[in-house]
Protein backbone atom coordinates (compact mmCIF):
# COMPACT_ATOMS: atom_id res chain seq x y z
CA MET A 1 14.18 -25.15 26.66
CA THR A 2 13.16 -24.75 23.07
CA HIS A 3 11.85 -22.05 20.81
CA ILE A 4 8.20 -21.78 19.81
CA ILE A 5 6.60 -20.44 16.65
CA ALA A 6 3.31 -18.76 17.53
CA GLU A 7 0.23 -17.20 15.94
CA PRO A 8 1.89 -14.40 13.92
CA CYS A 9 3.30 -17.06 11.58
CA ILE A 10 -0.14 -18.26 10.53
CA GLY A 11 -0.59 -17.45 6.87
CA THR A 12 2.93 -15.99 6.58
CA LYS A 13 5.24 -19.02 6.55
CA ASP A 14 8.29 -16.88 5.75
CA THR A 15 11.23 -19.28 5.65
CA ALA A 16 14.03 -16.87 6.59
CA CYS A 17 14.18 -18.69 9.93
CA VAL A 18 14.66 -22.03 8.16
CA GLU A 19 17.69 -20.71 6.30
CA VAL A 20 19.59 -19.77 9.49
CA CYS A 21 18.72 -22.82 11.58
CA PRO A 22 21.89 -24.90 12.08
CA VAL A 23 19.99 -28.09 12.98
CA ASP A 24 17.09 -27.95 10.49
CA CYS A 25 14.42 -28.06 13.18
CA ILE A 26 11.93 -25.72 11.46
CA HIS A 27 9.41 -27.28 9.10
CA PRO A 28 7.78 -27.56 6.65
CA VAL A 29 10.33 -26.08 4.28
CA LYS A 30 9.42 -24.54 0.92
CA GLY A 31 9.09 -27.24 -1.68
CA ALA A 32 8.07 -29.91 0.83
CA ASP A 33 4.81 -31.70 0.10
CA ASP A 34 3.22 -30.37 3.29
CA HIS A 35 4.38 -26.73 2.99
CA GLU A 36 1.33 -25.51 1.09
CA GLU A 37 -1.08 -27.38 3.38
CA ALA A 38 0.45 -26.13 6.63
CA ASP A 39 -0.99 -23.01 8.25
CA MET A 40 2.37 -22.02 9.71
CA LEU A 41 5.92 -23.22 10.35
CA TYR A 42 6.80 -25.32 13.40
CA ILE A 43 9.89 -25.92 15.53
CA ASP A 44 10.72 -29.48 16.54
CA PRO A 45 11.27 -29.31 20.31
CA ASP A 46 13.38 -32.48 20.24
CA THR A 47 15.80 -31.05 17.68
CA CYS A 48 15.98 -27.34 18.61
CA ILE A 49 19.29 -26.47 20.30
CA ASP A 50 18.06 -23.10 21.60
CA CYS A 51 20.58 -21.09 19.59
CA GLY A 52 18.14 -18.23 18.96
CA LEU A 53 19.27 -17.47 15.41
CA CYS A 54 15.72 -17.79 14.12
CA ILE A 55 14.26 -15.09 16.37
CA ASP A 56 15.86 -12.12 14.62
CA GLU A 57 15.18 -13.56 11.14
CA CYS A 58 11.41 -13.79 11.59
CA PRO A 59 9.80 -10.81 9.83
CA VAL A 60 6.57 -11.11 11.84
CA GLN A 61 8.15 -11.71 15.26
CA ALA A 62 6.48 -15.09 15.69
CA ILE A 63 9.36 -16.94 17.38
CA PHE A 64 9.87 -16.90 21.13
CA THR A 65 11.79 -18.76 23.77
CA GLU A 66 9.38 -20.82 25.84
CA GLU A 67 9.89 -18.50 28.82
CA ASP A 68 9.20 -15.36 26.73
CA LEU A 69 6.14 -16.73 24.95
CA PRO A 70 3.14 -14.45 25.62
CA GLU A 71 0.62 -16.25 27.82
CA GLU A 72 -2.16 -15.99 25.25
CA TRP A 73 -0.05 -18.12 22.89
CA ASN A 74 0.91 -20.90 25.34
CA LYS A 75 -1.12 -23.38 23.28
CA TYR A 76 1.54 -23.10 20.56
CA ILE A 77 3.97 -25.08 22.72
CA GLN A 78 1.73 -28.09 22.16
CA VAL A 79 0.86 -27.10 18.57
CA ASN A 80 4.55 -27.18 17.57
CA SER A 81 5.16 -30.47 19.36
CA ASP A 82 2.04 -32.12 17.93
CA TRP A 83 2.95 -31.25 14.34
CA PHE A 84 6.09 -33.38 14.62
CA LYS A 85 4.24 -36.26 16.28
CA ASN A 86 1.94 -36.40 13.26
CA GLU A 87 4.78 -36.43 10.72
């Protein structure tokens, strides 16, 4: 299982979650070329170790475990995965 960043992150892109991630699976980070262009932050499902540290750091409560993701935001499972395929 992995964690998913969903709709509340759009337009926010607060990077508190990036700072606590032990495996650097949340992108794009501030200062990266694609940070300004991105609508939101994304979690790499292949790198995430399911530690959960990012959940409490998110000021807009946009991060969920896959099993706790509200049904209306299920598309963000694919949105997160696709962002890393396009990198």
